[in-house]
Full PDB file with SEQRES, HELIX, SHEET, SSBOND, CRYST1, ORIGX, SCALE, CONECT and MASTER records, all heavy atoms in Angstrom:
SEQRES   1 A   34  ARG GLY MET ASN GLU GLU LYS LEU LEU ALA PRO LEU TYR          
SEQRES   2 A   34  GLN ARG ILE ASP MET ARG THR ASN PRO ALA LYS THR MET          
SEQRES   3 A   34  LEU TYR LEU LYS ASP SER LYS THR                              
HELIX    1 AA1 GLU A    5  LEU A    9  5                                   5    
HELIX    2 AA2 ALA A   10  MET A   18  1                                   9    
HELIX    3 AA3 PRO A   22  ASP A   31  1                                  10    
CRYST1    1.000    1.000    1.000  90.00  90.00  90.00 P 1           1          
ORIGX1      1.000000  0.000000  0.000000        0.00000                         
ORIGX2      0.000000  1.000000  0.000000        0.00000                         
ORIGX3      0.000000  0.000000  1.000000        0.00000                         
SCALE1      1.000000  0.000000  0.000000        0.00000                         
SCALE2      0.000000  1.000000  0.000000        0.00000                         
SCALE3      0.000000  0.000000  1.000000        0.00000                         
ATOM      1  N   ARG A   1     -29.503 -23.976  37.542  1.00  0.00           N  
ATOM      2  CA  ARG A   1     -28.858 -25.088  38.251  1.00  0.00           C  
ATOM      3  C   ARG A   1     -28.420 -26.174  37.269  1.00  0.00           C  
ATOM      4  O   ARG A   1     -27.553 -26.991  37.588  1.00  0.00           O  
ATOM      5  CB  ARG A   1     -29.819 -25.680  39.281  1.00  0.00           C  
ATOM      6  CG  ARG A   1     -29.976 -24.802  40.521  1.00  0.00           C  
ATOM      7  CD  ARG A   1     -31.174 -25.210  41.362  1.00  0.00           C  
ATOM      8  NE  ARG A   1     -31.195 -26.628  41.712  1.00  0.00           N  
ATOM      9  CZ  ARG A   1     -30.539 -27.182  42.727  1.00  0.00           C  
ATOM     10  NH1 ARG A   1     -29.790 -26.409  43.513  1.00  0.00           N  
ATOM     11  NH2 ARG A   1     -30.617 -28.479  42.971  1.00  0.00           N  
ATOM     12  N   GLY A   2     -29.048 -26.206  36.094  1.00  0.00           N  
ATOM     13  CA  GLY A   2     -28.616 -27.112  35.033  1.00  0.00           C  
ATOM     14  C   GLY A   2     -28.903 -28.582  35.290  1.00  0.00           C  
ATOM     15  O   GLY A   2     -28.182 -29.454  34.782  1.00  0.00           O  
ATOM     16  N   MET A   3     -29.956 -28.884  36.061  1.00  0.00           N  
ATOM     17  CA  MET A   3     -30.280 -30.277  36.387  1.00  0.00           C  
ATOM     18  C   MET A   3     -31.631 -30.714  35.829  1.00  0.00           C  
ATOM     19  O   MET A   3     -32.144 -31.758  36.182  1.00  0.00           O  
ATOM     20  CB  MET A   3     -30.250 -30.475  37.911  1.00  0.00           C  
ATOM     21  CG  MET A   3     -28.900 -30.169  38.538  1.00  0.00           C  
ATOM     22  SD  MET A   3     -28.939 -30.336  40.341  1.00  0.00           S  
ATOM     23  CE  MET A   3     -27.322 -29.721  40.792  1.00  0.00           C  
ATOM     24  N   ASN A   4     -32.220 -29.874  34.993  1.00  0.00           N  
ATOM     25  CA  ASN A   4     -33.513 -30.191  34.363  1.00  0.00           C  
ATOM     26  C   ASN A   4     -34.672 -30.199  35.360  1.00  0.00           C  
ATOM     27  O   ASN A   4     -35.762 -30.697  35.055  1.00  0.00           O  
ATOM     28  CB  ASN A   4     -33.437 -31.535  33.637  1.00  0.00           C  
ATOM     29  CG  ASN A   4     -34.216 -31.546  32.343  1.00  0.00           C  
ATOM     30  OD1 ASN A   4     -34.432 -30.497  31.738  1.00  0.00           O  
ATOM     31  ND2 ASN A   4     -34.649 -32.708  31.916  1.00  0.00           N  
ATOM     32  N   GLU A   5     -34.435 -29.639  36.554  1.00  0.00           N  
ATOM     33  CA  GLU A   5     -35.452 -29.694  37.610  1.00  0.00           C  
ATOM     34  C   GLU A   5     -36.642 -28.783  37.340  1.00  0.00           C  
ATOM     35  O   GLU A   5     -37.697 -28.933  37.970  1.00  0.00           O  
ATOM     36  CB  GLU A   5     -34.821 -29.309  38.957  1.00  0.00           C  
ATOM     37  CG  GLU A   5     -33.725 -30.238  39.416  1.00  0.00           C  
ATOM     38  CD  GLU A   5     -32.824 -29.583  40.453  1.00  0.00           C  
ATOM     39  OE1 GLU A   5     -32.464 -28.406  40.256  1.00  0.00           O  
ATOM     40  OE2 GLU A   5     -32.483 -30.246  41.446  1.00  0.00           O  
ATOM     41  N   GLU A   6     -36.481 -27.838  36.404  1.00  0.00           N  
ATOM     42  CA  GLU A   6     -37.574 -26.912  36.112  1.00  0.00           C  
ATOM     43  C   GLU A   6     -38.837 -27.644  35.644  1.00  0.00           C  
ATOM     44  O   GLU A   6     -39.953 -27.137  35.796  1.00  0.00           O  
ATOM     45  CB  GLU A   6     -37.146 -25.868  35.077  1.00  0.00           C  
ATOM     46  CG  GLU A   6     -36.734 -26.406  33.731  1.00  0.00           C  
ATOM     47  CD  GLU A   6     -35.278 -26.847  33.653  1.00  0.00           C  
ATOM     48  OE1 GLU A   6     -34.588 -26.836  34.703  1.00  0.00           O  
ATOM     49  OE2 GLU A   6     -34.844 -27.202  32.548  1.00  0.00           O  
ATOM     50  N   LYS A   7     -38.688 -28.854  35.111  1.00  0.00           N  
ATOM     51  CA  LYS A   7     -39.844 -29.634  34.662  1.00  0.00           C  
ATOM     52  C   LYS A   7     -40.763 -29.994  35.827  1.00  0.00           C  
ATOM     53  O   LYS A   7     -41.945 -30.264  35.628  1.00  0.00           O  
ATOM     54  CB  LYS A   7     -39.376 -30.899  33.955  1.00  0.00           C  
ATOM     55  CG  LYS A   7     -38.693 -30.637  32.621  1.00  0.00           C  
ATOM     56  CD  LYS A   7     -38.296 -31.937  31.941  1.00  0.00           C  
ATOM     57  CE  LYS A   7     -37.651 -31.677  30.588  1.00  0.00           C  
ATOM     58  NZ  LYS A   7     -37.249 -32.943  29.902  1.00  0.00           N  
ATOM     59  N   LEU A   8     -40.219 -30.007  37.024  1.00  0.00           N  
ATOM     60  CA  LEU A   8     -41.012 -30.368  38.208  1.00  0.00           C  
ATOM     61  C   LEU A   8     -42.044 -29.298  38.556  1.00  0.00           C  
ATOM     62  O   LEU A   8     -42.935 -29.534  39.375  1.00  0.00           O  
ATOM     63  CB  LEU A   8     -40.083 -30.607  39.400  1.00  0.00           C  
ATOM     64  CG  LEU A   8     -39.118 -31.795  39.262  1.00  0.00           C  
ATOM     65  CD1 LEU A   8     -38.086 -31.785  40.387  1.00  0.00           C  
ATOM     66  CD2 LEU A   8     -39.869 -33.114  39.243  1.00  0.00           C  
ATOM     67  N   LEU A   9     -41.921 -28.118  37.941  1.00  0.00           N  
ATOM     68  CA  LEU A   9     -42.875 -27.029  38.198  1.00  0.00           C  
ATOM     69  C   LEU A   9     -44.135 -27.143  37.341  1.00  0.00           C  
ATOM     70  O   LEU A   9     -45.069 -26.348  37.522  1.00  0.00           O  
ATOM     71  CB  LEU A   9     -42.215 -25.673  37.933  1.00  0.00           C  
ATOM     72  CG  LEU A   9     -41.043 -25.291  38.842  1.00  0.00           C  
ATOM     73  CD1 LEU A   9     -40.413 -23.997  38.347  1.00  0.00           C  
ATOM     74  CD2 LEU A   9     -41.500 -25.144  40.289  1.00  0.00           C  
ATOM     75  N   ALA A  10     -44.195 -28.120  36.457  1.00  0.00           N  
ATOM     76  CA  ALA A  10     -45.337 -28.237  35.531  1.00  0.00           C  
ATOM     77  C   ALA A  10     -46.691 -28.213  36.233  1.00  0.00           C  
ATOM     78  O   ALA A  10     -47.629 -27.547  35.757  1.00  0.00           O  
ATOM     79  CB  ALA A  10     -45.189 -29.503  34.686  1.00  0.00           C  
ATOM     80  N   PRO A  11     -46.874 -28.893  37.378  1.00  0.00           N  
ATOM     81  CA  PRO A  11     -48.182 -28.846  38.046  1.00  0.00           C  
ATOM     82  C   PRO A  11     -48.603 -27.433  38.443  1.00  0.00           C  
ATOM     83  O   PRO A  11     -49.797 -27.118  38.427  1.00  0.00           O  
ATOM     84  CB  PRO A  11     -47.980 -29.723  39.282  1.00  0.00           C  
ATOM     85  CG  PRO A  11     -46.850 -30.622  38.934  1.00  0.00           C  
ATOM     86  CD  PRO A  11     -45.946 -29.810  38.067  1.00  0.00           C  
ATOM     87  N   LEU A  12     -47.631 -26.569  38.770  1.00  0.00           N  
ATOM     88  CA  LEU A  12     -47.982 -25.210  39.175  1.00  0.00           C  
ATOM     89  C   LEU A  12     -48.473 -24.395  37.995  1.00  0.00           C  
ATOM     90  O   LEU A  12     -49.407 -23.591  38.128  1.00  0.00           O  
ATOM     91  CB  LEU A  12     -46.783 -24.533  39.841  1.00  0.00           C  
ATOM     92  CG  LEU A  12     -46.241 -25.238  41.096  1.00  0.00           C  
ATOM     93  CD1 LEU A  12     -45.133 -24.405  41.729  1.00  0.00           C  
ATOM     94  CD2 LEU A  12     -47.344 -25.499  42.101  1.00  0.00           C  
ATOM     95  N   TYR A  13     -47.878 -24.587  36.842  1.00  0.00           N  
ATOM     96  CA  TYR A  13     -48.367 -23.898  35.638  1.00  0.00           C  
ATOM     97  C   TYR A  13     -49.783 -24.366  35.294  1.00  0.00           C  
ATOM     98  O   TYR A  13     -50.630 -23.564  34.880  1.00  0.00           O  
ATOM     99  CB  TYR A  13     -47.417 -24.132  34.466  1.00  0.00           C  
ATOM    100  CG  TYR A  13     -46.147 -23.329  34.550  1.00  0.00           C  
ATOM    101  CD1 TYR A  13     -44.918 -23.940  34.759  1.00  0.00           C  
ATOM    102  CD2 TYR A  13     -46.177 -21.936  34.422  1.00  0.00           C  
ATOM    103  CE1 TYR A  13     -43.746 -23.196  34.835  1.00  0.00           C  
ATOM    104  CE2 TYR A  13     -45.003 -21.187  34.493  1.00  0.00           C  
ATOM    105  CZ  TYR A  13     -43.799 -21.816  34.701  1.00  0.00           C  
ATOM    106  OH  TYR A  13     -42.640 -21.060  34.779  1.00  0.00           O  
ATOM    107  N   GLN A  14     -50.050 -25.652  35.485  1.00  0.00           N  
ATOM    108  CA  GLN A  14     -51.397 -26.170  35.232  1.00  0.00           C  
ATOM    109  C   GLN A  14     -52.402 -25.549  36.184  1.00  0.00           C  
ATOM    110  O   GLN A  14     -53.518 -25.172  35.779  1.00  0.00           O  
ATOM    111  CB  GLN A  14     -51.401 -27.695  35.369  1.00  0.00           C  
ATOM    112  CG  GLN A  14     -50.597 -28.417  34.297  1.00  0.00           C  
ATOM    113  CD  GLN A  14     -50.398 -29.894  34.613  1.00  0.00           C  
ATOM    114  OE1 GLN A  14     -50.921 -30.422  35.597  1.00  0.00           O  
ATOM    115  NE2 GLN A  14     -49.627 -30.569  33.769  1.00  0.00           N  
ATOM    116  N   ARG A  15     -52.017 -25.401  37.441  1.00  0.00           N  
ATOM    117  CA  ARG A  15     -52.921 -24.796  38.428  1.00  0.00           C  
ATOM    118  C   ARG A  15     -53.200 -23.334  38.088  1.00  0.00           C  
ATOM    119  O   ARG A  15     -54.323 -22.853  38.248  1.00  0.00           O  
ATOM    120  CB  ARG A  15     -52.322 -24.923  39.831  1.00  0.00           C  
ATOM    121  CG  ARG A  15     -52.225 -26.364  40.317  1.00  0.00           C  
ATOM    122  CD  ARG A  15     -51.468 -26.484  41.638  1.00  0.00           C  
ATOM    123  NE  ARG A  15     -51.135 -27.875  41.913  1.00  0.00           N  
ATOM    124  CZ  ARG A  15     -50.487 -28.303  42.996  1.00  0.00           C  
ATOM    125  NH1 ARG A  15     -50.100 -27.420  43.916  1.00  0.00           N  
ATOM    126  NH2 ARG A  15     -50.226 -29.589  43.155  1.00  0.00           N  
ATOM    127  N   ILE A  16     -52.173 -22.628  37.645  1.00  0.00           N  
ATOM    128  CA  ILE A  16     -52.347 -21.221  37.263  1.00  0.00           C  
ATOM    129  C   ILE A  16     -53.285 -21.121  36.061  1.00  0.00           C  
ATOM    130  O   ILE A  16     -54.199 -20.283  36.040  1.00  0.00           O  
ATOM    131  CB  ILE A  16     -50.983 -20.574  36.976  1.00  0.00           C  
ATOM    132  CG1 ILE A  16     -50.187 -20.416  38.282  1.00  0.00           C  
ATOM    133  CG2 ILE A  16     -51.152 -19.215  36.287  1.00  0.00           C  
ATOM    134  CD1 ILE A  16     -48.725 -20.056  38.094  1.00  0.00           C  
ATOM    135  N   ASP A  17     -53.090 -21.983  35.076  1.00  0.00           N  
ATOM    136  CA  ASP A  17     -53.944 -21.957  33.880  1.00  0.00           C  
ATOM    137  C   ASP A  17     -55.399 -22.262  34.228  1.00  0.00           C  
ATOM    138  O   ASP A  17     -56.324 -21.651  33.668  1.00  0.00           O  
ATOM    139  CB  ASP A  17     -53.452 -22.975  32.846  1.00  0.00           C  
ATOM    140  CG  ASP A  17     -52.151 -22.545  32.172  1.00  0.00           C  
ATOM    141  OD1 ASP A  17     -51.809 -21.343  32.255  1.00  0.00           O  
ATOM    142  OD2 ASP A  17     -51.477 -23.409  31.591  1.00  0.00           O  
ATOM    143  N   MET A  18     -55.603 -23.191  35.172  1.00  0.00           N  
ATOM    144  CA  MET A  18     -56.955 -23.629  35.523  1.00  0.00           C  
ATOM    145  C   MET A  18     -57.551 -22.824  36.678  1.00  0.00           C  
ATOM    146  O   MET A  18     -58.704 -23.051  37.060  1.00  0.00           O  
ATOM    147  CB  MET A  18     -56.930 -25.116  35.899  1.00  0.00           C  
ATOM    148  CG  MET A  18     -56.449 -26.053  34.799  1.00  0.00           C  
ATOM    149  SD  MET A  18     -57.546 -26.086  33.382  1.00  0.00           S  
ATOM    150  CE  MET A  18     -58.959 -26.920  34.086  1.00  0.00           C  
ATOM    151  N   ARG A  19     -56.773 -21.869  37.225  1.00  0.00           N  
ATOM    152  CA  ARG A  19     -57.224 -21.070  38.374  1.00  0.00           C  
ATOM    153  C   ARG A  19     -57.648 -21.976  39.534  1.00  0.00           C  
ATOM    154  O   ARG A  19     -58.728 -21.830  40.112  1.00  0.00           O  
ATOM    155  CB  ARG A  19     -58.393 -20.157  37.991  1.00  0.00           C  
ATOM    156  CG  ARG A  19     -58.131 -19.193  36.850  1.00  0.00           C  
ATOM    157  CD  ARG A  19     -57.158 -18.110  37.295  1.00  0.00           C  
ATOM    158  NE  ARG A  19     -57.124 -16.982  36.369  1.00  0.00           N  
ATOM    159  CZ  ARG A  19     -56.236 -16.835  35.385  1.00  0.00           C  
ATOM    160  NH1 ARG A  19     -55.326 -17.778  35.173  1.00  0.00           N  
ATOM    161  NH2 ARG A  19     -56.241 -15.775  34.614  1.00  0.00           N  
ATOM    162  N   THR A  20     -56.788 -22.930  39.867  1.00  0.00           N  
ATOM    163  CA  THR A  20     -57.181 -23.904  40.877  1.00  0.00           C  
ATOM    164  C   THR A  20     -55.995 -24.280  41.749  1.00  0.00           C  
ATOM    165  O   THR A  20     -54.880 -23.799  41.567  1.00  0.00           O  
ATOM    166  CB  THR A  20     -57.772 -25.164  40.204  1.00  0.00           C  
ATOM    167  OG1 THR A  20     -58.423 -25.972  41.194  1.00  0.00           O  
ATOM    168  CG2 THR A  20     -56.707 -25.983  39.493  1.00  0.00           C  
ATOM    169  N   ASN A  21     -56.239 -25.137  42.716  1.00  0.00           N  
ATOM    170  CA  ASN A  21     -55.223 -25.785  43.541  1.00  0.00           C  
ATOM    171  C   ASN A  21     -55.796 -27.138  43.951  1.00  0.00           C  
ATOM    172  O   ASN A  21     -56.968 -27.434  43.656  1.00  0.00           O  
ATOM    173  CB  ASN A  21     -54.818 -24.906  44.737  1.00  0.00           C  
ATOM    174  CG  ASN A  21     -55.993 -24.528  45.614  1.00  0.00           C  
ATOM    175  OD1 ASN A  21     -56.871 -25.340  45.916  1.00  0.00           O  
ATOM    176  ND2 ASN A  21     -56.031 -23.267  46.047  1.00  0.00           N  
ATOM    177  N   PRO A  22     -55.020 -28.000  44.601  1.00  0.00           N  
ATOM    178  CA  PRO A  22     -55.543 -29.339  44.900  1.00  0.00           C  
ATOM    179  C   PRO A  22     -56.816 -29.347  45.743  1.00  0.00           C  
ATOM    180  O   PRO A  22     -57.683 -30.205  45.547  1.00  0.00           O  
ATOM    181  CB  PRO A  22     -54.385 -30.001  45.646  1.00  0.00           C  
ATOM    182  CG  PRO A  22     -53.169 -29.312  45.128  1.00  0.00           C  
ATOM    183  CD  PRO A  22     -53.582 -27.888  44.927  1.00  0.00           C  
ATOM    184  N   ALA A  23     -56.944 -28.406  46.685  1.00  0.00           N  
ATOM    185  CA  ALA A  23     -58.156 -28.360  47.507  1.00  0.00           C  
ATOM    186  C   ALA A  23     -59.373 -28.013  46.662  1.00  0.00           C  
ATOM    187  O   ALA A  23     -60.443 -28.632  46.781  1.00  0.00           O  
ATOM    188  CB  ALA A  23     -57.992 -27.345  48.634  1.00  0.00           C  
ATOM    189  N   LYS A  24     -59.236 -26.999  45.792  1.00  0.00           N  
ATOM    190  CA  LYS A  24     -60.352 -26.613  44.922  1.00  0.00           C  
ATOM    191  C   LYS A  24     -60.729 -27.750  43.974  1.00  0.00           C  
ATOM    192  O   LYS A  24     -61.914 -28.005  43.726  1.00  0.00           O  
ATOM    193  CB  LYS A  24     -59.976 -25.374  44.109  1.00  0.00           C  
ATOM    194  CG  LYS A  24     -59.937 -24.077  44.901  1.00  0.00           C  
ATOM    195  CD  LYS A  24     -59.611 -22.913  43.976  1.00  0.00           C  
ATOM    196  CE  LYS A  24     -59.598 -21.587  44.724  1.00  0.00           C  
ATOM    197  NZ  LYS A  24     -59.265 -20.455  43.818  1.00  0.00           N  
ATOM    198  N   THR A  25     -59.717 -28.434  43.448  1.00  0.00           N  
ATOM    199  CA  THR A  25     -59.989 -29.550  42.537  1.00  0.00           C  
ATOM    200  C   THR A  25     -60.736 -30.662  43.255  1.00  0.00           C  
ATOM    201  O   THR A  25     -61.694 -31.235  42.709  1.00  0.00           O  
ATOM    202  CB  THR A  25     -58.671 -30.083  41.946  1.00  0.00           C  
ATOM    203  OG1 THR A  25     -58.028 -29.032  41.216  1.00  0.00           O  
ATOM    204  CG2 THR A  25     -58.922 -31.255  41.021  1.00  0.00           C  
ATOM    205  N   MET A  26     -60.315 -30.975  44.467  1.00  0.00           N  
ATOM    206  CA  MET A  26     -60.996 -32.017  45.227  1.00  0.00           C  
ATOM    207  C   MET A  26     -62.457 -31.653  45.469  1.00  0.00           C  
ATOM    208  O   MET A  26     -63.365 -32.483  45.310  1.00  0.00           O  
ATOM    209  CB  MET A  26     -60.297 -32.250  46.565  1.00  0.00           C  
ATOM    210  CG  MET A  26     -60.958 -33.340  47.406  1.00  0.00           C  
ATOM    211  SD  MET A  26     -60.218 -33.545  49.038  1.00  0.00           S  
ATOM    212  CE  MET A  26     -60.674 -32.004  49.807  1.00  0.00           C  
ATOM    213  N   LEU A  27     -62.716 -30.397  45.859  1.00  0.00           N  
ATOM    214  CA  LEU A  27     -64.093 -29.972  46.118  1.00  0.00           C  
ATOM    215  C   LEU A  27     -64.918 -29.973  44.842  1.00  0.00           C  
ATOM    216  O   LEU A  27     -66.113 -30.305  44.865  1.00  0.00           O  
ATOM    217  CB  LEU A  27     -64.097 -28.594  46.775  1.00  0.00           C  
ATOM    218  CG  LEU A  27     -63.540 -28.547  48.203  1.00  0.00           C  
ATOM    219  CD1 LEU A  27     -63.424 -27.108  48.683  1.00  0.00           C  
ATOM    220  CD2 LEU A  27     -64.418 -29.350  49.156  1.00  0.00           C  
ATOM    221  N   TYR A  28     -64.289 -29.604  43.729  1.00  0.00           N  
ATOM    222  CA  TYR A  28     -65.002 -29.643  42.444  1.00  0.00           C  
ATOM    223  C   TYR A  28     -65.406 -31.079  42.114  1.00  0.00           C  
ATOM    224  O   TYR A  28     -66.546 -31.336  41.699  1.00  0.00           O  
ATOM    225  CB  TYR A  28     -64.116 -29.074  41.338  1.00  0.00           C  
ATOM    226  CG  TYR A  28     -64.681 -29.277  39.953  1.00  0.00           C  
ATOM    227  CD1 TYR A  28     -65.691 -28.448  39.459  1.00  0.00           C  
ATOM    228  CD2 TYR A  28     -64.216 -30.318  39.143  1.00  0.00           C  
ATOM    229  CE1 TYR A  28     -66.229 -28.650  38.193  1.00  0.00           C  
ATOM    230  CE2 TYR A  28     -64.752 -30.526  37.876  1.00  0.00           C  
ATOM    231  CZ  TYR A  28     -65.757 -29.686  37.420  1.00  0.00           C  
ATOM    232  OH  TYR A  28     -66.296 -29.899  36.167  1.00  0.00           O  
ATOM    233  N   LEU A  29     -64.482 -32.015  42.274  1.00  0.00           N  
ATOM    234  CA  LEU A  29     -64.786 -33.417  41.997  1.00  0.00           C  
ATOM    235  C   LEU A  29     -65.884 -33.925  42.928  1.00  0.00           C  
ATOM    236  O   LEU A  29     -66.796 -34.644  42.501  1.00  0.00           O  
ATOM    237  CB  LEU A  29     -63.521 -34.265  42.150  1.00  0.00           C  
ATOM    238  CG  LEU A  29     -62.424 -34.037  41.107  1.00  0.00           C  
ATOM    239  CD1 LEU A  29     -61.145 -34.766  41.501  1.00  0.00           C  
ATOM    240  CD2 LEU A  29     -62.886 -34.490  39.734  1.00  0.00           C  
ATOM    241  N   LYS A  30     -65.795 -33.546  44.190  1.00  0.00           N  
ATOM    242  CA  LYS A  30     -66.800 -33.970  45.170  1.00  0.00           C  
ATOM    243  C   LYS A  30     -68.181 -33.421  44.797  1.00  0.00           C  
ATOM    244  O   LYS A  30     -69.183 -34.141  44.834  1.00  0.00           O  
ATOM    245  CB  LYS A  30     -66.383 -33.487  46.558  1.00  0.00           C  
ATOM    246  CG  LYS A  30     -67.377 -33.755  47.682  1.00  0.00           C  
ATOM    247  CD  LYS A  30     -66.768 -33.358  49.019  1.00  0.00           C  
ATOM    248  CE  LYS A  30     -67.806 -33.325  50.119  1.00  0.00           C  
ATOM    249  NZ  LYS A  30     -68.662 -32.130  50.052  1.00  0.00           N  
ATOM    250  N   ASP A  31     -68.231 -32.140  44.433  1.00  0.00           N  
ATOM    251  CA  ASP A  31     -69.507 -31.520  44.056  1.00  0.00           C  
ATOM    252  C   ASP A  31     -70.046 -32.085  42.746  1.00  0.00           C  
ATOM    253  O   ASP A  31     -71.246 -31.988  42.470  1.00  0.00           O  
ATOM    254  CB  ASP A  31     -69.348 -30.001  43.943  1.00  0.00           C  
ATOM    255  CG  ASP A  31     -69.087 -29.346  45.293  1.00  0.00           C  
ATOM    256  OD1 ASP A  31     -69.354 -29.994  46.323  1.00  0.00           O  
ATOM    257  OD2 ASP A  31     -68.609 -28.198  45.310  1.00  0.00           O  
ATOM    258  N   SER A  32     -69.138 -32.660  41.953  1.00  0.00           N  
ATOM    259  CA  SER A  32     -69.552 -33.282  40.690  1.00  0.00           C  
ATOM    260  C   SER A  32     -69.969 -34.742  40.891  1.00  0.00           C  
ATOM    261  O   SER A  32     -70.080 -35.490  39.924  1.00  0.00           O  
ATOM    262  CB  SER A  32     -68.411 -33.205  39.668  1.00  0.00           C  
ATOM    263  OG  SER A  32     -68.030 -31.870  39.434  1.00  0.00           O  
ATOM    264  N   LYS A  33     -70.152 -35.113  42.153  1.00  0.00           N  
ATOM    265  CA  LYS A  33     -70.631 -36.448  42.525  1.00  0.00           C  
ATOM    266  C   LYS A  33     -69.595 -37.556  42.315  1.00  0.00           C  
ATOM    267  O   LYS A  33     -69.951 -38.735  42.262  1.00  0.00           O  
ATOM    268  CB  LYS A  33     -71.928 -36.818  41.780  1.00  0.00           C  
ATOM    269  CG  LYS A  33     -73.044 -35.786  41.879  1.00  0.00           C  
ATOM    270  CD  LYS A  33     -73.428 -35.506  43.324  1.00  0.00           C  
ATOM    271  CE  LYS A  33     -74.562 -34.469  43.403  1.00  0.00           C  
ATOM    272  NZ  LYS A  33     -74.879 -34.091  44.797  1.00  0.00           N  
ATOM    273  N   THR A  34     -68.319 -37.170  42.191  1.00  0.00           N  
ATOM    274  CA  THR A  34     -67.273 -38.185  42.171  1.00  0.00           C  
ATOM    275  C   THR A  34     -67.159 -38.803  43.552  1.00  0.00           C  
ATOM    276  O   THR A  34     -67.132 -38.092  44.560  1.00  0.00           O  
ATOM    277  CB  THR A  34     -65.917 -37.570  41.770  1.00  0.00           C  
ATOM    278  OG1 THR A  34     -66.044 -36.927  40.498  1.00  0.00           O  
ATOM    279  CG2 THR A  34     -64.836 -38.643  41.686  1.00  0.00           C  
TER     280      THR A  34                                                      
MASTER        0    0    0    3    0    0    0    6  279    1    0    3          
END                                                                             
């Protein structure tokens, strides 16, 4: 598309690398006493 929008996918690559999603991250933080 040539609009540089591919940078917006960065959070998904981070989730794939960390084997997580926002729900899992929230529960991890909660279980860590945050």
